[in-house]
C-alpha atoms as a PDB file:
ATOM      1  CA  MET A   1       0.000   0.000   0.000  1.00  0.00           C
ATOM      2  CA  LYS A   2       1.341   3.426  -0.963  1.00  0.00           C
ATOM      3  CA  GLU A   3       1.731   6.012   1.748  1.00  0.00           C
ATOM      4  CA  LEU A   4       0.958   9.596   0.786  1.00  0.00           C
ATOM      5  CA  ASN A   5       3.020  12.521   1.937  1.00  0.00           C
ATOM      6  CA  LEU A   6       1.544  15.897   2.917  1.00  0.00           C
ATOM      7  CA  ASN A   7       1.885  17.416  -0.570  1.00  0.00           C
ATOM      8  CA  GLU A   8       0.015  14.493  -2.142  1.00  0.00           C
ATOM      9  CA  LEU A   9      -2.733  14.684   0.474  1.00  0.00           C
ATOM     10  CA  GLU A  10      -3.315  18.379  -0.214  1.00  0.00           C
ATOM     11  CA  ILE A  11      -4.128  17.811  -3.888  1.00  0.00           C
ATOM     12  CA  ILE A  12      -6.753  15.124  -3.289  1.00  0.00           C
ATOM     13  CA  GLY A  13     -10.175  16.349  -4.335  1.00  0.00           C
ATOM     14  CA  GLY A  14     -13.580  14.787  -4.500  1.00  0.00           C
ATOM     15  CA  ASN A  15     -15.687  14.270  -7.599  1.00  0.00           C
ATOM     16  CA  ASN A  16     -18.721  16.471  -7.130  1.00  0.00           C
ATOM     17  CA  ASP A  17     -20.268  15.932 -10.571  1.00  0.00           C
ATOM     18  CA  THR A  18     -22.747  13.294  -9.418  1.00  0.00           C
ATOM     19  CA  TYR A  19     -24.139  15.531  -6.679  1.00  0.00           C
ATOM     20  CA  SER A  20     -24.319  18.542  -9.003  1.00  0.00           C
ATOM     21  CA  ASN A  21     -26.130  16.487 -11.644  1.00  0.00           C
ATOM     22  CA  PHE A  22     -28.603  15.239  -9.040  1.00  0.00           C
ATOM     23  CA  CYS A  23     -29.275  18.799  -7.874  1.00  0.00           C
ATOM     24  CA  ALA A  24     -29.856  20.014 -11.439  1.00  0.00           C
ATOM     25  CA  GLY A  25     -32.292  17.196 -12.145  1.00  0.00           C
ATOM     26  CA  PHE A  26     -34.061  17.556  -8.815  1.00  0.00           C
ATOM     27  CA  THR A  27     -34.514  21.296  -9.314  1.00  0.00           C
ATOM     28  CA  ALA A  28     -36.085  20.707 -12.721  1.00  0.00           C
ATOM     29  CA  GLY A  29     -38.506  18.183 -11.230  1.00  0.00           C
ATOM     30  CA  ALA A  30     -39.185  20.303  -8.153  1.00  0.00           C
ATOM     31  CA  ILE A  31     -40.437  23.176 -10.268  1.00  0.00           C
ATOM     32  CA  VAL A  32     -43.198  20.983 -11.700  1.00  0.00           C
ATOM     33  CA  TYR A  33     -43.832  19.133  -8.448  1.00  0.00           C
ATOM     34  CA  GLY A  34     -44.006  22.442  -6.585  1.00  0.00           C
ATOM     35  CA  ALA A  35     -47.273  23.241  -8.352  1.00  0.00           C
ATOM     36  CA  GLY A  36     -48.705  19.989  -6.997  1.00  0.00           C
ATOM     37  CA  VAL A  37     -47.462  20.794  -3.504  1.00  0.00           C
ATOM     38  CA  LEU A  38     -49.135  24.205  -3.636  1.00  0.00           C
ATOM     39  CA  ALA A  39     -52.374  22.613  -4.815  1.00  0.00           C
ATOM     40  CA  ASN A  40     -52.276  20.174  -1.879  1.00  0.00           C
ATOM     41  CA  PHE A  41     -50.911  22.482   0.802  1.00  0.00           C
ATOM     42  CA  TRP A  42     -54.094  22.034   2.853  1.00  0.00           C
ATOM     43  CA  ASN A  43     -53.224  18.337   3.040  1.00  0.00           C
ATOM     44  CA  PRO A  44     -50.429  17.082   5.358  1.00  0.00           C
ATOM     45  CA  VAL A  45     -48.925  15.284   2.353  1.00  0.00           C
ATOM     46  CA  GLY A  46     -48.435  18.699   0.779  1.00  0.00           C
ATOM     47  CA  TRP A  47     -46.644  19.882   3.918  1.00  0.00           C
ATOM     48  CA  GLY A  48     -44.348  16.857   3.795  1.00  0.00           C
ATOM     49  CA  GLY A  49     -43.667  17.360   0.108  1.00  0.00           C
ATOM     50  CA  GLY A  50     -42.896  21.023   0.654  1.00  0.00           C
ATOM     51  CA  ALA A  51     -40.560  20.230   3.534  1.00  0.00           C
ATOM     52  CA  ALA A  52     -38.744  17.573   1.510  1.00  0.00           C
ATOM     53  CA  ILE A  53     -38.283  19.889  -1.462  1.00  0.00           C
ATOM     54  CA  LEU A  54     -37.080  22.687   0.809  1.00  0.00           C
ATOM     55  CA  ALA A  55     -34.573  20.442   2.598  1.00  0.00           C
ATOM     56  CA  ILE A  56     -33.071  18.988  -0.583  1.00  0.00           C
ATOM     57  CA  GLU A  57     -32.904  22.362  -2.342  1.00  0.00           C
ATOM     58  CA  ALA A  58     -31.244  23.904   0.741  1.00  0.00           C
ATOM     59  CA  SER A  59     -28.656  21.130   0.695  1.00  0.00           C
ATOM     60  CA  CYS A  60     -27.971  21.757  -2.988  1.00  0.00           C
ATOM     61  CA  LEU A  61     -27.692  25.496  -2.385  1.00  0.00           C
ATOM     62  CA  ILE A  62     -25.279  25.046   0.527  1.00  0.00           C
ATOM     63  CA  ASN A  63     -23.166  22.668  -1.561  1.00  0.00           C
ATOM     64  CA  GLU A  64     -22.852  25.275  -4.328  1.00  0.00           C
ATOM     65  CA  ILE A  65     -21.521  27.957  -1.975  1.00  0.00           C
END
């Protein structure tokens, strides 16, 4: 097994493309689904859907910063 020195450890980066692609696709779907959530906001399912969309979109927004 290869041991990494400090210089090699500093250049290690993660692949963030999968997460970014998920966020782009989710945002596109959330725009359409958001209309359904607004139509069912009187229903607790609408509250849950709104909370789920808000939580995932907040995570995507924080990741982009």
